[in-house]
């Protein structure tokens, strides 16, 4: 096999045809075949090599055709149901409405499309990210995105219902609205399945935590939950406590998935590294501990256990921070000292609450969790940077064209 292959750049207006000679490894980085038509772009002071527009459109065509086709089938089924029930006007909100059919059909079609496209991407030998996601993590990822889709559909339906109270539409107008909403939901799920990577998982982790906590706080605002503690949101006294507890469990599962992926990538650069295995175990233990906080809410029967697992979580985070210098290869001094500052702040808050009851229990829980979770996100981002540092780079020399 030749050491280099040639990627021919299609002619551009007012330019010559270019021939770029590259090593074979470049094709692995670009995820294209040697005979794929390529083009070279200069954008934002960077040189970009990518398949030409026709090839990119051809490869992404199915990602739009399937969502539209699924939305059309689902909308047609809803239209037939409306006709069979003798309905002539369909309300925007209600039990039998555009909103209810959008939520129900959108969740079903979106889930099926996400599963199908993710499995296809997982089986693609050129998709390096998906191959590093274990099949056991696939249900967690899918459920997390289904929950997010459900929250988006519920929130969008609530907003439209508040903006247009009492609105109703004829059958064909309702069909068009349903088709549009279902298409948007399906396209969102397909694009998430195709663009899934470590950054997406980190964003998913943040979205699940923030959205779940905000919804739980908002639904219990009238019960003045802040006068008790943050754990009140998961107790029997709270309204819809299952949402808060499910948020903690889902966050833990997504975190375990992200930890799995990151350490699989790091293991390729640092094979058989026991220190990395210890760090992976501690981060996984922290995620399991977080799930236990949701599984054992602060009710009377679980009060002692809930308090203990909450303190264990703080202890595990502090232990990770203190041992990070020895457990994570290539950690920068800046990140290390920032981690020590976070650990010191967490320790001071803990001592202040234990001995002086300052800050209050609610403030201590919220601030401690926010600081610890933010530090975890920075840690995951730092790991991604360590992984990216191993990306293959080829030195090149740019020469002006020779004068004839």
Protein backbone atom coordinates (compact mmCIF):
# COMPACT_ATOMS: atom_id res chain seq x y z
CA UNK A 1 0.00 0.00 0.00
CA UNK A 2 1.36 3.44 -0.88
CA UNK A 3 2.57 5.67 1.90
CA UNK A 4 0.60 8.63 0.56
CA UNK A 5 -2.58 9.18 -1.36
CA UNK A 6 -3.72 12.20 -3.33
CA UNK A 7 -6.86 14.16 -2.56
CA UNK A 8 -7.89 16.25 -5.56
CA UNK A 9 -9.65 19.50 -4.82
CA UNK A 10 -12.48 20.42 -7.22
CA UNK A 11 -11.96 23.68 -9.11
CA UNK A 12 -13.18 26.87 -7.47
CA UNK A 13 -14.02 30.18 -9.14
CA UNK A 14 -10.94 32.17 -10.11
CA UNK A 15 -8.57 29.51 -8.76
CA UNK A 16 -6.55 26.63 -10.12
CA UNK A 17 -7.10 22.97 -9.45
CA UNK A 18 -5.06 21.95 -6.42
CA UNK A 19 -3.49 18.60 -5.68
CA UNK A 20 -2.68 17.91 -2.02
CA UNK A 21 -0.52 14.93 -1.18
CA UNK A 22 -1.26 13.57 2.30
CA UNK A 23 -0.26 10.48 4.34
CA UNK A 24 -2.66 7.57 4.59
CA UNK A 25 -3.39 8.43 8.22
CA UNK A 26 -5.07 11.66 7.14
CA UNK A 27 -7.93 9.66 5.63
CA UNK A 28 -8.47 7.96 8.97
CA UNK A 29 -8.66 11.38 10.63
CA UNK A 30 -11.03 12.74 7.98
CA UNK A 31 -13.13 9.53 8.01
CA UNK A 32 -13.33 9.43 4.21
CA UNK A 33 -12.26 7.05 1.49
CA UNK A 34 -9.31 7.89 -0.78
CA UNK A 35 -11.62 8.37 -3.81
CA UNK A 36 -14.01 10.76 -2.01
CA UNK A 37 -14.18 14.17 -3.78
CA UNK A 38 -12.67 16.73 -1.42
CA UNK A 39 -12.46 20.49 -1.15
CA UNK A 40 -10.14 22.83 0.73
CA UNK A 41 -11.51 25.91 2.48
CA UNK A 42 -9.88 28.81 4.28
CA UNK A 43 -12.22 29.91 7.09
CA UNK A 44 -11.48 31.92 10.23
CA UNK A 45 -7.74 31.78 9.57
CA UNK A 46 -7.85 27.98 9.31
CA UNK A 47 -7.41 25.56 6.45
CA UNK A 48 -10.24 23.03 6.35
CA UNK A 49 -10.30 19.86 4.27
CA UNK A 50 -13.73 18.24 3.93
CA UNK A 51 -15.85 16.29 1.44
CA UNK A 52 -17.34 18.53 -1.19
CA UNK A 53 -20.87 19.77 -0.64
CA UNK A 54 -22.58 17.15 -2.80
CA UNK A 55 -20.97 14.33 -0.81
CA UNK A 56 -21.89 15.92 2.52
CA UNK A 57 -25.49 16.39 1.43
CA UNK A 58 -25.68 12.82 0.18
CA UNK A 59 -24.34 11.42 3.46
CA UNK A 60 -26.74 13.54 5.54
CA UNK A 61 -29.82 13.04 3.39
CA UNK A 62 -31.17 10.09 5.38
CA UNK A 63 -30.89 12.05 8.61
CA UNK A 64 -33.66 14.32 7.31
CA UNK A 65 -35.71 11.93 5.18
CA UNK A 66 -36.37 9.46 8.00
CA UNK A 67 -37.57 12.09 10.53
CA UNK A 68 -39.89 13.64 7.94
CA UNK A 69 -41.22 10.25 6.85
CA UNK A 70 -41.84 9.15 10.45
CA UNK A 71 -43.57 12.46 11.21
CA UNK A 72 -45.76 12.07 8.13
CA UNK A 73 -46.85 8.54 9.06
CA UNK A 74 -47.59 9.54 12.67
CA UNK A 75 -49.49 12.68 11.65
CA UNK A 76 -51.53 10.72 9.10
CA UNK A 77 -52.43 8.19 11.78
CA UNK A 78 -53.60 10.99 14.08
CA UNK A 79 -55.64 12.50 11.21
CA UNK A 80 -57.38 9.18 10.56
CA UNK A 81 -58.15 8.85 14.28
CA UNK A 82 -59.68 12.33 14.36
CA UNK A 83 -61.87 11.47 11.39
CA UNK A 84 -62.98 8.17 12.95
CA UNK A 85 -64.03 10.03 16.10
CA UNK A 86 -66.08 12.52 14.11
CA UNK A 87 -63.98 15.49 15.24
CA UNK A 88 -64.13 18.64 13.17
CA UNK A 89 -62.14 21.04 15.37
CA UNK A 90 -58.98 20.10 17.24
CA UNK A 91 -57.98 22.23 20.26
CA UNK A 92 -54.38 23.30 20.75
CA UNK A 93 -54.29 22.08 24.35
CA UNK A 94 -56.17 19.37 26.19
CA UNK A 95 -56.63 15.59 26.34
CA UNK A 96 -57.37 15.18 22.62
CA UNK A 97 -55.43 18.04 21.09
CA UNK A 98 -52.49 18.95 18.92
CA UNK A 99 -50.32 19.20 22.04
CA UNK A 100 -51.27 15.78 23.44
CA UNK A 101 -50.70 14.03 20.10
CA UNK A 102 -47.41 15.88 19.62
CA UNK A 103 -46.15 14.73 23.02
CA UNK A 104 -47.32 11.13 22.66
CA UNK A 105 -46.36 10.53 19.04
CA UNK A 106 -43.22 12.65 19.32
CA UNK A 107 -41.87 10.56 22.18
CA UNK A 108 -42.57 7.29 20.37
CA UNK A 109 -41.17 8.29 16.97
CA UNK A 110 -38.27 10.23 18.48
CA UNK A 111 -37.24 7.29 20.65
CA UNK A 112 -37.35 4.83 17.74
CA UNK A 113 -35.37 7.14 15.46
CA UNK A 114 -32.77 7.88 18.12
CA UNK A 115 -32.30 4.16 18.78
CA UNK A 116 -32.08 3.32 15.08
CA UNK A 117 -29.60 6.04 14.13
CA UNK A 118 -27.46 5.49 17.22
CA UNK A 119 -27.22 1.75 16.54
CA UNK A 120 -26.34 2.49 12.91
CA UNK A 121 -23.68 4.96 14.04
CA UNK A 122 -22.42 2.48 16.66
CA UNK A 123 -21.95 -0.18 13.98
CA UNK A 124 -20.16 2.23 11.65
CA UNK A 125 -16.46 1.25 11.70
CA UNK A 126 -15.46 4.84 10.90
CA UNK A 127 -17.26 6.31 13.94
CA UNK A 128 -14.58 6.36 16.59
CA UNK A 129 -16.74 7.83 19.34
CA UNK A 130 -19.61 5.34 19.21
CA UNK A 131 -17.24 2.38 19.33
CA UNK A 132 -16.08 3.63 22.72
CA UNK A 133 -19.60 3.64 24.15
CA UNK A 134 -20.48 0.30 25.68
CA UNK A 135 -23.81 -1.26 24.78
CA UNK A 136 -24.73 -1.33 28.47
CA UNK A 137 -24.67 2.48 28.44
CA UNK A 138 -26.96 2.80 25.42
CA UNK A 139 -30.24 2.53 27.45
CA UNK A 140 -29.02 5.26 29.81
CA UNK A 141 -28.18 7.62 26.97
CA UNK A 142 -31.47 6.93 25.20
CA UNK A 143 -33.59 7.38 28.32
CA UNK A 144 -31.81 10.64 29.13
CA UNK A 145 -32.52 12.08 25.68
CA UNK A 146 -36.12 10.83 25.79
CA UNK A 147 -36.58 12.61 29.13
CA UNK A 148 -35.13 15.81 27.66
CA UNK A 149 -37.39 15.51 24.60
CA UNK A 150 -40.38 14.98 26.87
CA UNK A 151 -39.52 18.09 28.89
CA UNK A 152 -39.08 20.12 25.70
CA UNK A 153 -42.42 18.97 24.32
CA UNK A 154 -44.22 19.55 27.63
CA UNK A 155 -42.63 22.97 28.02
CA UNK A 156 -43.39 23.97 24.43
CA UNK A 157 -47.00 22.82 24.76
CA UNK A 158 -47.39 24.78 27.98
CA UNK A 159 -45.99 27.95 26.39
CA UNK A 160 -48.26 27.66 23.32
CA UNK A 161 -51.26 26.95 25.53
CA UNK A 162 -50.49 30.07 27.59
CA UNK A 163 -49.98 32.21 24.48
CA UNK A 164 -53.11 30.99 22.67
CA UNK A 165 -55.64 29.98 25.36
CA UNK A 166 -58.72 28.24 23.97
CA UNK A 167 -57.36 28.05 20.41
CA UNK A 168 -58.83 25.37 18.09
CA UNK A 169 -58.07 24.45 14.50
CA UNK A 170 -59.76 22.64 11.65
CA UNK A 171 -58.51 19.18 10.79
CA UNK A 172 -56.12 20.17 8.02
CA UNK A 173 -54.58 23.06 10.00
CA UNK A 174 -54.15 20.76 13.01
CA UNK A 175 -52.56 18.14 10.72
CA UNK A 176 -50.01 20.65 9.41
CA UNK A 177 -49.17 21.86 12.93
CA UNK A 178 -48.78 18.30 14.16
CA UNK A 179 -46.57 17.44 11.19
CA UNK A 180 -44.30 20.43 11.83
CA UNK A 181 -43.96 19.75 15.57
CA UNK A 182 -43.28 16.04 15.04
CA UNK A 183 -40.71 16.78 12.34
CA UNK A 184 -38.82 19.14 14.66
CA UNK A 185 -38.86 16.59 17.48
CA UNK A 186 -37.67 13.78 15.20
CA UNK A 187 -34.91 15.85 13.61
CA UNK A 188 -33.69 16.85 17.08
CA UNK A 189 -33.44 13.22 18.20
CA UNK A 190 -31.73 12.06 15.00
CA UNK A 191 -29.16 14.86 15.11
CA UNK A 192 -28.41 14.09 18.77
CA UNK A 193 -27.87 10.42 17.90
CA UNK A 194 -25.48 11.33 15.06
CA UNK A 195 -23.60 14.09 16.87
CA UNK A 196 -23.18 12.30 20.18
CA UNK A 197 -19.72 12.83 21.67
CA UNK A 198 -18.06 13.61 24.98
CA UNK A 199 -19.08 17.27 24.78
CA UNK A 200 -22.68 16.24 24.16
CA UNK A 201 -22.63 13.95 27.20
CA UNK A 202 -21.22 16.76 29.37
CA UNK A 203 -23.94 19.09 28.12
CA UNK A 204 -26.54 16.38 28.72
CA UNK A 205 -25.26 15.99 32.27
CA UNK A 206 -25.67 19.72 32.88
CA UNK A 207 -29.11 19.93 31.27
CA UNK A 208 -30.48 17.01 33.29
CA UNK A 209 -29.25 18.47 36.60
CA UNK A 210 -30.34 22.06 36.01
CA UNK A 211 -33.71 21.30 34.40
CA UNK A 212 -34.64 18.69 37.01
CA UNK A 213 -33.63 20.90 39.94
CA UNK A 214 -35.37 24.00 38.56
CA UNK A 215 -38.61 22.10 37.87
CA UNK A 216 -38.55 20.60 41.37
CA UNK A 217 -37.89 24.01 42.96
CA UNK A 218 -40.58 25.74 40.92
CA UNK A 219 -43.26 23.11 41.63
CA UNK A 220 -42.54 23.35 45.38
CA UNK A 221 -42.23 27.13 45.58
CA UNK A 222 -45.52 27.49 47.44
CA UNK A 223 -44.29 25.02 50.07
CA UNK A 224 -41.25 27.18 50.86
CA UNK A 225 -38.82 24.30 50.48
CA UNK A 226 -35.83 26.58 51.12
CA UNK A 227 -36.88 26.94 54.76
CA UNK A 228 -36.05 23.25 55.25
CA UNK A 229 -33.20 22.03 53.03
CA UNK A 230 -32.48 21.01 49.47
CA UNK A 231 -33.22 17.38 50.31
CA UNK A 232 -36.82 18.41 51.09
CA UNK A 233 -37.49 18.36 47.34
CA UNK A 234 -37.12 14.56 47.35
CA UNK A 235 -39.19 13.81 50.45
CA UNK A 236 -42.80 12.75 50.88
CA UNK A 237 -43.71 16.30 51.89
CA UNK A 238 -42.70 17.69 48.50
CA UNK A 239 -44.89 17.87 45.41
CA UNK A 240 -43.76 15.47 42.67
CA UNK A 241 -40.74 14.36 44.69
CA UNK A 242 -40.09 11.59 42.16
CA UNK A 243 -38.93 14.20 39.63
CA UNK A 244 -36.13 15.41 41.91
CA UNK A 245 -35.06 11.88 42.87
CA UNK A 246 -35.19 10.74 39.23
CA UNK A 247 -33.00 13.72 38.30
CA UNK A 248 -30.30 12.55 40.72
CA UNK A 249 -30.46 8.97 39.45
CA UNK A 250 -30.39 10.04 35.78
CA UNK A 251 -27.47 12.40 36.47
CA UNK A 252 -25.56 9.54 38.07
CA UNK A 253 -26.20 7.21 35.13
CA UNK A 254 -25.12 9.80 32.55
CA UNK A 255 -22.03 10.54 34.64
CA UNK A 256 -21.10 6.83 34.71
CA UNK A 257 -21.49 6.72 30.92
CA UNK A 258 -19.27 9.78 30.48
CA UNK A 259 -16.65 8.40 32.86
CA UNK A 260 -16.62 5.11 30.93
CA UNK A 261 -16.03 6.87 27.63
CA UNK A 262 -13.34 9.25 28.90
CA UNK A 263 -11.31 6.54 30.56
CA UNK A 264 -11.56 4.23 27.56
CA UNK A 265 -9.99 7.04 25.52
CA UNK A 266 -7.35 7.78 28.19
CA UNK A 267 -6.47 4.09 28.39
CA UNK A 268 -5.44 4.22 24.72
CA UNK A 269 -2.82 6.84 25.61
CA UNK A 270 -1.92 5.42 29.04
CA UNK A 271 -2.40 1.63 28.77
CA UNK A 272 -2.44 -0.52 31.92
CA UNK A 273 -2.27 2.53 34.19
CA UNK A 274 -3.42 1.52 37.68
CA UNK A 275 -3.63 5.12 38.86
CA UNK A 276 -6.19 5.87 36.15
CA UNK A 277 -8.16 2.82 37.21
CA UNK A 278 -8.25 4.11 40.79
CA UNK A 279 -9.46 7.54 39.61
CA UNK A 280 -12.08 5.88 37.43
CA UNK A 281 -13.27 3.84 40.41
CA UNK A 282 -13.53 6.95 42.62
CA UNK A 283 -15.52 8.89 40.01
CA UNK A 284 -17.83 5.91 39.44
CA UNK A 285 -18.26 5.58 43.21
CA UNK A 286 -19.18 9.27 43.39
CA UNK A 287 -21.83 8.73 40.71
CA UNK A 288 -23.24 5.69 42.53
CA UNK A 289 -23.32 7.70 45.76
CA UNK A 290 -25.23 10.47 43.97
CA UNK A 291 -27.77 7.94 42.75
CA UNK A 292 -28.19 6.64 46.31
CA UNK A 293 -29.15 10.14 47.45
CA UNK A 294 -32.11 9.95 45.07
CA UNK A 295 -32.90 6.30 45.81
CA UNK A 296 -32.93 6.91 49.57
CA UNK A 297 -34.67 10.31 50.02
CA UNK A 298 -34.63 12.20 53.30
CA UNK A 299 -37.80 10.58 54.65
CA UNK A 300 -38.07 9.27 58.20
CA UNK A 301 -37.11 5.70 57.32
CA UNK A 302 -34.05 6.77 55.28
CA UNK A 303 -33.00 9.91 57.17
CA UNK A 304 -29.77 8.50 58.69
CA UNK A 305 -28.75 6.70 55.48
CA UNK A 306 -29.53 9.79 53.37
CA UNK A 307 -27.34 12.01 55.54
CA UNK A 308 -24.49 9.52 55.45
CA UNK A 309 -24.44 9.06 51.68
CA UNK A 310 -24.62 12.85 51.28
CA UNK A 311 -21.53 13.28 53.47
CA UNK A 312 -19.82 10.39 51.69
CA UNK A 313 -20.26 12.26 48.40
CA UNK A 314 -18.47 15.31 49.81
CA UNK A 315 -15.72 13.07 51.19
CA UNK A 316 -15.25 11.28 47.85
CA UNK A 317 -14.96 14.59 45.98
CA UNK A 318 -12.39 15.86 48.49
CA UNK A 319 -10.45 12.60 48.21
CA UNK A 320 -10.38 12.88 44.41
CA UNK A 321 -9.14 16.47 44.62
CA UNK A 322 -6.38 15.62 47.10
CA UNK A 323 -5.19 12.60 45.12
CA UNK A 324 -5.59 14.11 41.64
CA UNK A 325 -1.89 14.96 41.43
CA UNK A 326 -0.97 11.26 41.58
CA UNK A 327 -3.97 9.71 39.84
CA UNK A 328 -4.34 11.79 36.65
CA UNK A 329 -1.33 11.76 34.29
CA UNK A 330 -0.55 15.03 32.58
CA UNK A 331 -2.66 17.19 34.91
CA UNK A 332 -1.65 20.84 34.65
CA UNK A 333 -0.47 22.87 37.64
CA UNK A 334 -3.14 25.49 36.99
CA UNK A 335 -5.94 22.94 37.15
CA UNK A 336 -4.34 21.27 40.15
CA UNK A 337 -4.18 24.49 42.19
CA UNK A 338 -7.70 25.43 41.12
CA UNK A 339 -8.85 22.02 42.35
CA UNK A 340 -7.12 22.57 45.68
CA UNK A 341 -8.90 25.92 46.00
CA UNK A 342 -12.25 24.23 45.35
CA UNK A 343 -11.45 21.52 47.91
CA UNK A 344 -10.42 24.11 50.48
CA UNK A 345 -13.62 26.08 49.94
CA UNK A 346 -15.74 22.95 50.29
CA UNK A 347 -13.89 22.03 53.51
CA UNK A 348 -14.34 25.52 55.01
CA UNK A 349 -18.06 25.48 54.20
CA UNK A 350 -18.39 22.05 55.79
CA UNK A 351 -16.57 23.13 58.98
CA UNK A 352 -18.56 26.35 59.15
CA UNK A 353 -21.84 24.49 58.93
CA UNK A 354 -20.83 21.80 61.43
CA UNK A 355 -19.54 24.13 64.14
CA UNK A 356 -21.17 27.50 63.51
CA UNK A 357 -24.29 26.54 61.49
CA UNK A 358 -23.19 29.04 58.86
CA UNK A 359 -24.11 28.87 56.07
CA UNK A 360 -27.57 27.46 56.64
CA UNK A 361 -28.31 23.85 55.75
CA UNK A 362 -30.10 24.82 52.52
CA UNK A 363 -27.32 27.20 51.48
CA UNK A 364 -24.63 24.66 52.39
CA UNK A 365 -26.27 21.91 50.32
CA UNK A 366 -26.93 24.12 47.30
CA UNK A 367 -23.55 25.84 47.28
CA UNK A 368 -21.62 22.68 48.04
CA UNK A 369 -23.36 20.72 45.29
CA UNK A 370 -23.05 23.56 42.76
CA UNK A 371 -19.31 24.01 43.44
CA UNK A 372 -18.60 20.28 43.40
CA UNK A 373 -20.63 19.65 40.24
CA UNK A 374 -19.00 22.58 38.44
CA UNK A 375 -15.57 21.24 39.38
CA UNK A 376 -16.52 17.80 38.04
CA UNK A 377 -17.49 19.38 34.71
CA UNK A 378 -14.12 21.14 34.56
CA UNK A 379 -12.41 17.84 35.38
CA UNK A 380 -14.22 16.09 32.53
CA UNK A 381 -13.30 18.96 30.20
CA UNK A 382 -9.66 18.70 31.30
CA UNK A 383 -9.72 14.98 30.51
CA UNK A 384 -11.09 15.76 27.04
CA UNK A 385 -8.18 18.14 26.51
CA UNK A 386 -5.73 15.40 27.55
CA UNK A 387 -7.38 13.06 25.05
CA UNK A 388 -7.25 15.69 22.31
CA UNK A 389 -3.56 16.24 23.02
CA UNK A 390 -2.96 12.79 21.57
CA UNK A 391 -4.47 13.69 18.20
CA UNK A 392 -2.07 13.02 15.34
CA UNK A 393 -0.65 16.18 13.73
CA UNK A 394 1.38 16.35 10.53
CA UNK A 395 3.92 19.15 9.95
CA UNK A 396 3.52 20.85 6.58
CA UNK A 397 5.36 23.44 4.55
CA UNK A 398 3.42 25.99 2.49
CA UNK A 399 5.21 27.13 -0.65
CA UNK A 400 4.09 29.83 -3.13
CA UNK A 401 3.38 28.67 -6.69
CA UNK A 402 6.42 28.59 -8.94
CA UNK A 403 6.61 31.18 -11.65
CA UNK A 404 6.79 29.74 -15.17
